[in-house]
């Protein structure tokens, strides 16, 4: 597994909405 650290310069956090192409939810999803 790759560990990736992205600290914000202003001391804040990276917003999920700012990541292009991010999925709306993670597996598992759909019918059980």
ModelCIF file with pLDDT and N, C-alpha, C, O atoms, coordinates in Angstrom:
data_MODEL
#
_entry.id   MODEL 
#
_entity.id                         1 
_entity.type                       polymer 
_entity.pdbx_number_of_molecules   1 
#
_entity_poly.entity_id                      1 
_entity_poly.type                           'polypeptide(L)' 
_entity_poly.nstd_linkage                   no 
_entity_poly.nstd_monomer                   no 
_entity_poly.pdbx_seq_one_letter_code       
;(UNK)(UNK)(UNK)(UNK)(UNK)(UNK)(UNK)(UNK)(UNK)(UNK)(UNK)(UNK)(UNK)(UNK)(UNK)(UNK)
(UNK)(UNK)(UNK)(UNK)(UNK)(UNK)(UNK)(UNK)(UNK)(UNK)(UNK)(UNK)(UNK)(UNK)(UNK)(UNK)
;
_entity_poly.pdbx_seq_one_letter_code_can   XXXXXXXXXXXXXXXXXXXXXXXXXXXXXXXX 
_entity_poly.pdbx_strand_id                 A 
#
loop_
_entity_poly_seq.entity_id 
_entity_poly_seq.num 
_entity_poly_seq.mon_id 
_entity_poly_seq.hetero 
1 1  UNK n 
1 2  UNK n 
1 3  UNK n 
1 4  UNK n 
1 5  UNK n 
1 6  UNK n 
1 7  UNK n 
1 8  UNK n 
1 9  UNK n 
1 10 UNK n 
1 11 UNK n 
1 12 UNK n 
1 13 UNK n 
1 14 UNK n 
1 15 UNK n 
1 16 UNK n 
1 17 UNK n 
1 18 UNK n 
1 19 UNK n 
1 20 UNK n 
1 21 UNK n 
1 22 UNK n 
1 23 UNK n 
1 24 UNK n 
1 25 UNK n 
1 26 UNK n 
1 27 UNK n 
1 28 UNK n 
1 29 UNK n 
1 30 UNK n 
1 31 UNK n 
1 32 UNK n 
#
_struct_asym.id          A 
_struct_asym.entity_id   1 
#
loop_
_ma_qa_metric.id 
_ma_qa_metric.mode 
_ma_qa_metric.name 
_ma_qa_metric.software_group_id 
_ma_qa_metric.type 
1 global pLDDT . pLDDT 
2 local  pLDDT . pLDDT 
#
_ma_qa_metric_global.metric_id      1 
_ma_qa_metric_global.metric_value   66.59 
_ma_qa_metric_global.model_id       1 
_ma_qa_metric_global.ordinal_id     1 
#
loop_
_ma_qa_metric_local.label_asym_id 
_ma_qa_metric_local.label_comp_id 
_ma_qa_metric_local.label_seq_id 
_ma_qa_metric_local.metric_id 
_ma_qa_metric_local.metric_value 
_ma_qa_metric_local.model_id 
_ma_qa_metric_local.ordinal_id 
A UNK 1  2 55.00 1 1  
A UNK 2  2 57.00 1 2  
A UNK 3  2 58.00 1 3  
A UNK 4  2 58.00 1 4  
A UNK 5  2 57.00 1 5  
A UNK 6  2 58.00 1 6  
A UNK 7  2 56.00 1 7  
A UNK 8  2 53.00 1 8  
A UNK 9  2 55.00 1 9  
A UNK 10 2 54.00 1 10 
A UNK 11 2 56.00 1 11 
A UNK 12 2 57.00 1 12 
A UNK 13 2 63.00 1 13 
A UNK 14 2 66.00 1 14 
A UNK 15 2 70.00 1 15 
A UNK 16 2 70.00 1 16 
A UNK 17 2 69.00 1 17 
A UNK 18 2 68.00 1 18 
A UNK 19 2 73.00 1 19 
A UNK 20 2 71.00 1 20 
A UNK 21 2 71.00 1 21 
A UNK 22 2 73.00 1 22 
A UNK 23 2 72.00 1 23 
A UNK 24 2 70.00 1 24 
A UNK 25 2 68.00 1 25 
A UNK 26 2 71.00 1 26 
A UNK 27 2 71.00 1 27 
A UNK 28 2 78.00 1 28 
A UNK 29 2 78.00 1 29 
A UNK 30 2 83.00 1 30 
A UNK 31 2 87.00 1 31 
A UNK 32 2 85.00 1 32 
#
loop_
_atom_site.group_PDB 
_atom_site.id 
_atom_site.type_symbol 
_atom_site.label_atom_id 
_atom_site.label_alt_id 
_atom_site.label_comp_id 
_atom_site.label_asym_id 
_atom_site.label_entity_id 
_atom_site.label_seq_id 
_atom_site.pdbx_PDB_ins_code 
_atom_site.Cartn_x 
_atom_site.Cartn_y 
_atom_site.Cartn_z 
_atom_site.occupancy 
_atom_site.B_iso_or_equiv 
_atom_site.pdbx_formal_charge 
_atom_site.auth_seq_id 
_atom_site.auth_comp_id 
_atom_site.auth_asym_id 
_atom_site.auth_atom_id 
_atom_site.pdbx_PDB_model_num 
ATOM 1   N N  . UNK A 1 1  ? 0.828   -1.211 0.000   1.00 55.00 ? 1  UNK A N  1 
ATOM 2   C CA . UNK A 1 1  ? 0.000   0.000  0.000   1.00 55.00 ? 1  UNK A CA 1 
ATOM 3   C C  . UNK A 1 1  ? 0.858   1.255  0.000   1.00 55.00 ? 1  UNK A C  1 
ATOM 4   O O  . UNK A 1 1  ? 1.860   1.333  0.711   1.00 55.00 ? 1  UNK A O  1 
ATOM 5   N N  . UNK A 1 2  ? 0.463   2.227  -0.793  1.00 57.00 ? 2  UNK A N  1 
ATOM 6   C CA . UNK A 1 2  ? 1.210   3.483  -0.881  1.00 57.00 ? 2  UNK A CA 1 
ATOM 7   C C  . UNK A 1 2  ? 0.706   4.450  0.175   1.00 57.00 ? 2  UNK A C  1 
ATOM 8   O O  . UNK A 1 2  ? -0.500  4.662  0.306   1.00 57.00 ? 2  UNK A O  1 
ATOM 9   N N  . UNK A 1 3  ? 1.631   5.041  0.932   1.00 58.00 ? 3  UNK A N  1 
ATOM 10  C CA . UNK A 1 3  ? 1.282   6.091  1.887   1.00 58.00 ? 3  UNK A CA 1 
ATOM 11  C C  . UNK A 1 3  ? 1.596   7.447  1.245   1.00 58.00 ? 3  UNK A C  1 
ATOM 12  O O  . UNK A 1 3  ? 2.730   7.674  0.823   1.00 58.00 ? 3  UNK A O  1 
ATOM 13  N N  . UNK A 1 4  ? 0.624   8.342  1.165   1.00 58.00 ? 4  UNK A N  1 
ATOM 14  C CA . UNK A 1 4  ? 0.809   9.651  0.536   1.00 58.00 ? 4  UNK A CA 1 
ATOM 15  C C  . UNK A 1 4  ? 0.347   10.725 1.494   1.00 58.00 ? 4  UNK A C  1 
ATOM 16  O O  . UNK A 1 4  ? -0.809  10.739 1.916   1.00 58.00 ? 4  UNK A O  1 
ATOM 17  N N  . UNK A 1 5  ? 1.257   11.630 1.840   1.00 57.00 ? 5  UNK A N  1 
ATOM 18  C CA . UNK A 1 5  ? 0.935   12.711 2.761   1.00 57.00 ? 5  UNK A CA 1 
ATOM 19  C C  . UNK A 1 5  ? 0.875   14.021 1.990   1.00 57.00 ? 5  UNK A C  1 
ATOM 20  O O  . UNK A 1 5  ? 1.839   14.376 1.311   1.00 57.00 ? 5  UNK A O  1 
ATOM 21  N N  . UNK A 1 6  ? -0.253  14.757 2.080   1.00 58.00 ? 6  UNK A N  1 
ATOM 22  C CA . UNK A 1 6  ? -0.424  16.035 1.369   1.00 58.00 ? 6  UNK A CA 1 
ATOM 23  C C  . UNK A 1 6  ? -0.799  17.109 2.375   1.00 58.00 ? 6  UNK A C  1 
ATOM 24  O O  . UNK A 1 6  ? -1.986  17.398 2.530   1.00 58.00 ? 6  UNK A O  1 
ATOM 25  N N  . UNK A 1 7  ? 0.149   17.705 3.057   1.00 56.00 ? 7  UNK A N  1 
ATOM 26  C CA . UNK A 1 7  ? -0.191  18.765 4.024   1.00 56.00 ? 7  UNK A CA 1 
ATOM 27  C C  . UNK A 1 7  ? -0.553  20.068 3.316   1.00 56.00 ? 7  UNK A C  1 
ATOM 28  O O  . UNK A 1 7  ? 0.042   20.407 2.293   1.00 56.00 ? 7  UNK A O  1 
ATOM 29  N N  . UNK A 1 8  ? -1.510  20.784 3.847   1.00 53.00 ? 8  UNK A N  1 
ATOM 30  C CA . UNK A 1 8  ? -1.894  22.083 3.280   1.00 53.00 ? 8  UNK A CA 1 
ATOM 31  C C  . UNK A 1 8  ? -0.946  23.160 3.781   1.00 53.00 ? 8  UNK A C  1 
ATOM 32  O O  . UNK A 1 8  ? -0.555  23.142 4.949   1.00 53.00 ? 8  UNK A O  1 
ATOM 33  N N  . UNK A 1 9  ? -0.560  24.120 2.899   1.00 55.00 ? 9  UNK A N  1 
ATOM 34  C CA . UNK A 1 9  ? 0.399   25.155 3.305   1.00 55.00 ? 9  UNK A CA 1 
ATOM 35  C C  . UNK A 1 9  ? -0.154  26.050 4.400   1.00 55.00 ? 9  UNK A C  1 
ATOM 36  O O  . UNK A 1 9  ? 0.580   26.526 5.265   1.00 55.00 ? 9  UNK A O  1 
ATOM 37  N N  . UNK A 1 10 ? -1.476  26.274 4.346   1.00 54.00 ? 10 UNK A N  1 
ATOM 38  C CA . UNK A 1 10 ? -2.070  27.172 5.326   1.00 54.00 ? 10 UNK A CA 1 
ATOM 39  C C  . UNK A 1 10 ? -2.376  26.493 6.644   1.00 54.00 ? 10 UNK A C  1 
ATOM 40  O O  . UNK A 1 10 ? -2.924  27.118 7.552   1.00 54.00 ? 10 UNK A O  1 
ATOM 41  N N  . UNK A 1 11 ? -2.025  25.207 6.761   1.00 56.00 ? 11 UNK A N  1 
ATOM 42  C CA . UNK A 1 11 ? -2.309  24.488 7.996   1.00 56.00 ? 11 UNK A CA 1 
ATOM 43  C C  . UNK A 1 11 ? -3.653  23.823 8.003   1.00 56.00 ? 11 UNK A C  1 
ATOM 44  O O  . UNK A 1 11 ? -4.005  23.175 8.988   1.00 56.00 ? 11 UNK A O  1 
ATOM 45  N N  . UNK A 1 12 ? -4.447  23.959 6.907   1.00 57.00 ? 12 UNK A N  1 
ATOM 46  C CA . UNK A 1 12 ? -5.758  23.345 6.834   1.00 57.00 ? 12 UNK A CA 1 
ATOM 47  C C  . UNK A 1 12 ? -5.679  21.934 6.285   1.00 57.00 ? 12 UNK A C  1 
ATOM 48  O O  . UNK A 1 12 ? -4.639  21.284 6.394   1.00 57.00 ? 12 UNK A O  1 
ATOM 49  N N  . UNK A 1 13 ? -6.761  21.453 5.697   1.00 63.00 ? 13 UNK A N  1 
ATOM 50  C CA . UNK A 1 13 ? -6.807  20.116 5.134   1.00 63.00 ? 13 UNK A CA 1 
ATOM 51  C C  . UNK A 1 13 ? -7.204  20.188 3.674   1.00 63.00 ? 13 UNK A C  1 
ATOM 52  O O  . UNK A 1 13 ? -7.727  21.206 3.218   1.00 63.00 ? 13 UNK A O  1 
ATOM 53  N N  . UNK A 1 14 ? -6.958  19.105 2.932   1.00 66.00 ? 14 UNK A N  1 
ATOM 54  C CA . UNK A 1 14 ? -7.363  19.021 1.533   1.00 66.00 ? 14 UNK A CA 1 
ATOM 55  C C  . UNK A 1 14 ? -8.816  18.575 1.472   1.00 66.00 ? 14 UNK A C  1 
ATOM 56  O O  . UNK A 1 14 ? -9.158  17.507 1.981   1.00 66.00 ? 14 UNK A O  1 
ATOM 57  N N  . UNK A 1 15 ? -9.667  19.375 0.859   1.00 70.00 ? 15 UNK A N  1 
ATOM 58  C CA . UNK A 1 15 ? -11.086 19.049 0.783   1.00 70.00 ? 15 UNK A CA 1 
ATOM 59  C C  . UNK A 1 15 ? -11.326 17.949 -0.239  1.00 70.00 ? 15 UNK A C  1 
ATOM 60  O O  . UNK A 1 15 ? -10.732 17.950 -1.317  1.00 70.00 ? 15 UNK A O  1 
ATOM 61  N N  . UNK A 1 16 ? -12.204 17.006 0.109   1.00 70.00 ? 16 UNK A N  1 
ATOM 62  C CA . UNK A 1 16 ? -12.532 15.908 -0.802  1.00 70.00 ? 16 UNK A CA 1 
ATOM 63  C C  . UNK A 1 16 ? -13.105 16.436 -2.122  1.00 70.00 ? 16 UNK A C  1 
ATOM 64  O O  . UNK A 1 16 ? -12.869 15.856 -3.182  1.00 70.00 ? 16 UNK A O  1 
ATOM 65  N N  . UNK A 1 17 ? -13.852 17.532 -2.050  1.00 69.00 ? 17 UNK A N  1 
ATOM 66  C CA . UNK A 1 17 ? -14.486 18.098 -3.256  1.00 69.00 ? 17 UNK A CA 1 
ATOM 67  C C  . UNK A 1 17 ? -13.459 18.664 -4.216  1.00 69.00 ? 17 UNK A C  1 
ATOM 68  O O  . UNK A 1 17 ? -13.769 18.858 -5.391  1.00 69.00 ? 17 UNK A O  1 
ATOM 69  N N  . UNK A 1 18 ? -12.230 18.938 -3.750  1.00 68.00 ? 18 UNK A N  1 
ATOM 70  C CA . UNK A 1 18 ? -11.189 19.494 -4.616  1.00 68.00 ? 18 UNK A CA 1 
ATOM 71  C C  . UNK A 1 18 ? -10.439 18.419 -5.391  1.00 68.00 ? 18 UNK A C  1 
ATOM 72  O O  . UNK A 1 18 ? -9.608  18.735 -6.242  1.00 68.00 ? 18 UNK A O  1 
ATOM 73  N N  . UNK A 1 19 ? -10.729 17.129 -5.098  1.00 73.00 ? 19 UNK A N  1 
ATOM 74  C CA . UNK A 1 19 ? -10.060 16.040 -5.794  1.00 73.00 ? 19 UNK A CA 1 
ATOM 75  C C  . UNK A 1 19 ? -10.916 15.637 -6.983  1.00 73.00 ? 19 UNK A C  1 
ATOM 76  O O  . UNK A 1 19 ? -12.034 15.150 -6.819  1.00 73.00 ? 19 UNK A O  1 
ATOM 77  N N  . UNK A 1 20 ? -10.365 15.850 -8.216  1.00 71.00 ? 20 UNK A N  1 
ATOM 78  C CA . UNK A 1 20 ? -11.115 15.566 -9.438  1.00 71.00 ? 20 UNK A CA 1 
ATOM 79  C C  . UNK A 1 20 ? -11.175 14.059 -9.666  1.00 71.00 ? 20 UNK A C  1 
ATOM 80  O O  . UNK A 1 20 ? -10.162 13.368 -9.558  1.00 71.00 ? 20 UNK A O  1 
ATOM 81  N N  . UNK A 1 21 ? -12.359 13.555 -9.979  1.00 71.00 ? 21 UNK A N  1 
ATOM 82  C CA . UNK A 1 21 ? -12.521 12.139 -10.285 1.00 71.00 ? 21 UNK A CA 1 
ATOM 83  C C  . UNK A 1 21 ? -12.655 11.247 -9.064  1.00 71.00 ? 21 UNK A C  1 
ATOM 84  O O  . UNK A 1 21 ? -12.682 10.024 -9.205  1.00 71.00 ? 21 UNK A O  1 
ATOM 85  N N  . UNK A 1 22 ? -12.741 11.820 -7.865  1.00 73.00 ? 22 UNK A N  1 
ATOM 86  C CA . UNK A 1 22 ? -12.894 10.995 -6.659  1.00 73.00 ? 22 UNK A CA 1 
ATOM 87  C C  . UNK A 1 22 ? -14.257 10.319 -6.669  1.00 73.00 ? 22 UNK A C  1 
ATOM 88  O O  . UNK A 1 22 ? -15.243 10.962 -7.030  1.00 73.00 ? 22 UNK A O  1 
ATOM 89  N N  . UNK A 1 23 ? -14.353 9.033  -6.282  1.00 72.00 ? 23 UNK A N  1 
ATOM 90  C CA . UNK A 1 23 ? -15.655 8.327  -6.278  1.00 72.00 ? 23 UNK A CA 1 
ATOM 91  C C  . UNK A 1 23 ? -16.552 8.861  -5.176  1.00 72.00 ? 23 UNK A C  1 
ATOM 92  O O  . UNK A 1 23 ? -16.083 9.400  -4.174  1.00 72.00 ? 23 UNK A O  1 
ATOM 93  N N  . UNK A 1 24 ? -17.857 8.699  -5.384  1.00 70.00 ? 24 UNK A N  1 
ATOM 94  C CA . UNK A 1 24 ? -18.813 9.172  -4.379  1.00 70.00 ? 24 UNK A CA 1 
ATOM 95  C C  . UNK A 1 24 ? -18.840 8.273  -3.152  1.00 70.00 ? 24 UNK A C  1 
ATOM 96  O O  . UNK A 1 24 ? -19.201 8.724  -2.065  1.00 70.00 ? 24 UNK A O  1 
ATOM 97  N N  . UNK A 1 25 ? -18.467 7.017  -3.307  1.00 68.00 ? 25 UNK A N  1 
ATOM 98  C CA . UNK A 1 25 ? -18.404 6.089  -2.165  1.00 68.00 ? 25 UNK A CA 1 
ATOM 99  C C  . UNK A 1 25 ? -17.395 5.005  -2.494  1.00 68.00 ? 25 UNK A C  1 
ATOM 100 O O  . UNK A 1 25 ? -17.061 4.787  -3.658  1.00 68.00 ? 25 UNK A O  1 
ATOM 101 N N  . UNK A 1 26 ? -16.914 4.330  -1.470  1.00 71.00 ? 26 UNK A N  1 
ATOM 102 C CA . UNK A 1 26 ? -15.944 3.270  -1.647  1.00 71.00 ? 26 UNK A CA 1 
ATOM 103 C C  . UNK A 1 26 ? -16.626 1.903  -1.563  1.00 71.00 ? 26 UNK A C  1 
ATOM 104 O O  . UNK A 1 26 ? -17.660 1.772  -0.909  1.00 71.00 ? 26 UNK A O  1 
ATOM 105 N N  . UNK A 1 27 ? -16.056 0.878  -2.219  1.00 71.00 ? 27 UNK A N  1 
ATOM 106 C CA . UNK A 1 27 ? -16.621 -0.490 -2.106  1.00 71.00 ? 27 UNK A CA 1 
ATOM 107 C C  . UNK A 1 27 ? -16.583 -0.945 -0.653  1.00 71.00 ? 27 UNK A C  1 
ATOM 108 O O  . UNK A 1 27 ? -15.757 -0.447 0.112   1.00 71.00 ? 27 UNK A O  1 
ATOM 109 N N  . UNK A 1 28 ? -17.478 -1.906 -0.229  1.00 78.00 ? 28 UNK A N  1 
ATOM 110 C CA . UNK A 1 28 ? -18.504 -2.491 -1.102  1.00 78.00 ? 28 UNK A CA 1 
ATOM 111 C C  . UNK A 1 28 ? -19.687 -1.558 -1.282  1.00 78.00 ? 28 UNK A C  1 
ATOM 112 O O  . UNK A 1 28 ? -20.009 -0.763 -0.398  1.00 78.00 ? 28 UNK A O  1 
ATOM 113 N N  . UNK A 1 29 ? -20.331 -1.663 -2.439  1.00 78.00 ? 29 UNK A N  1 
ATOM 114 C CA . UNK A 1 29 ? -21.513 -0.863 -2.720  1.00 78.00 ? 29 UNK A CA 1 
ATOM 115 C C  . UNK A 1 29 ? -22.449 -1.687 -3.588  1.00 78.00 ? 29 UNK A C  1 
ATOM 116 O O  . UNK A 1 29 ? -22.059 -2.734 -4.106  1.00 78.00 ? 29 UNK A O  1 
ATOM 117 N N  . UNK A 1 30 ? -23.654 -1.230 -3.746  1.00 83.00 ? 30 UNK A N  1 
ATOM 118 C CA . UNK A 1 30 ? -24.611 -1.953 -4.557  1.00 83.00 ? 30 UNK A CA 1 
ATOM 119 C C  . UNK A 1 30 ? -25.362 -3.003 -3.760  1.00 83.00 ? 30 UNK A C  1 
ATOM 120 O O  . UNK A 1 30 ? -25.349 -2.979 -2.529  1.00 83.00 ? 30 UNK A O  1 
ATOM 121 N N  . UNK A 1 31 ? -26.035 -3.952 -4.473  1.00 87.00 ? 31 UNK A N  1 
ATOM 122 C CA . UNK A 1 31 ? -26.852 -4.971 -3.796  1.00 87.00 ? 31 UNK A CA 1 
ATOM 123 C C  . UNK A 1 31 ? -25.983 -5.935 -2.965  1.00 87.00 ? 31 UNK A C  1 
ATOM 124 O O  . UNK A 1 31 ? -24.870 -6.277 -3.363  1.00 87.00 ? 31 UNK A O  1 
ATOM 125 N N  . UNK A 1 32 ? -26.501 -6.356 -1.830  1.00 85.00 ? 32 UNK A N  1 
ATOM 126 C CA . UNK A 1 32 ? -25.821 -7.330 -0.969  1.00 85.00 ? 32 UNK A CA 1 
ATOM 127 C C  . UNK A 1 32 ? -26.222 -8.742 -1.370  1.00 85.00 ? 32 UNK A C  1 
ATOM 128 O O  . UNK A 1 32 ? -25.759 -9.710 -0.767  1.00 85.00 ? 32 UNK A O  1 
#
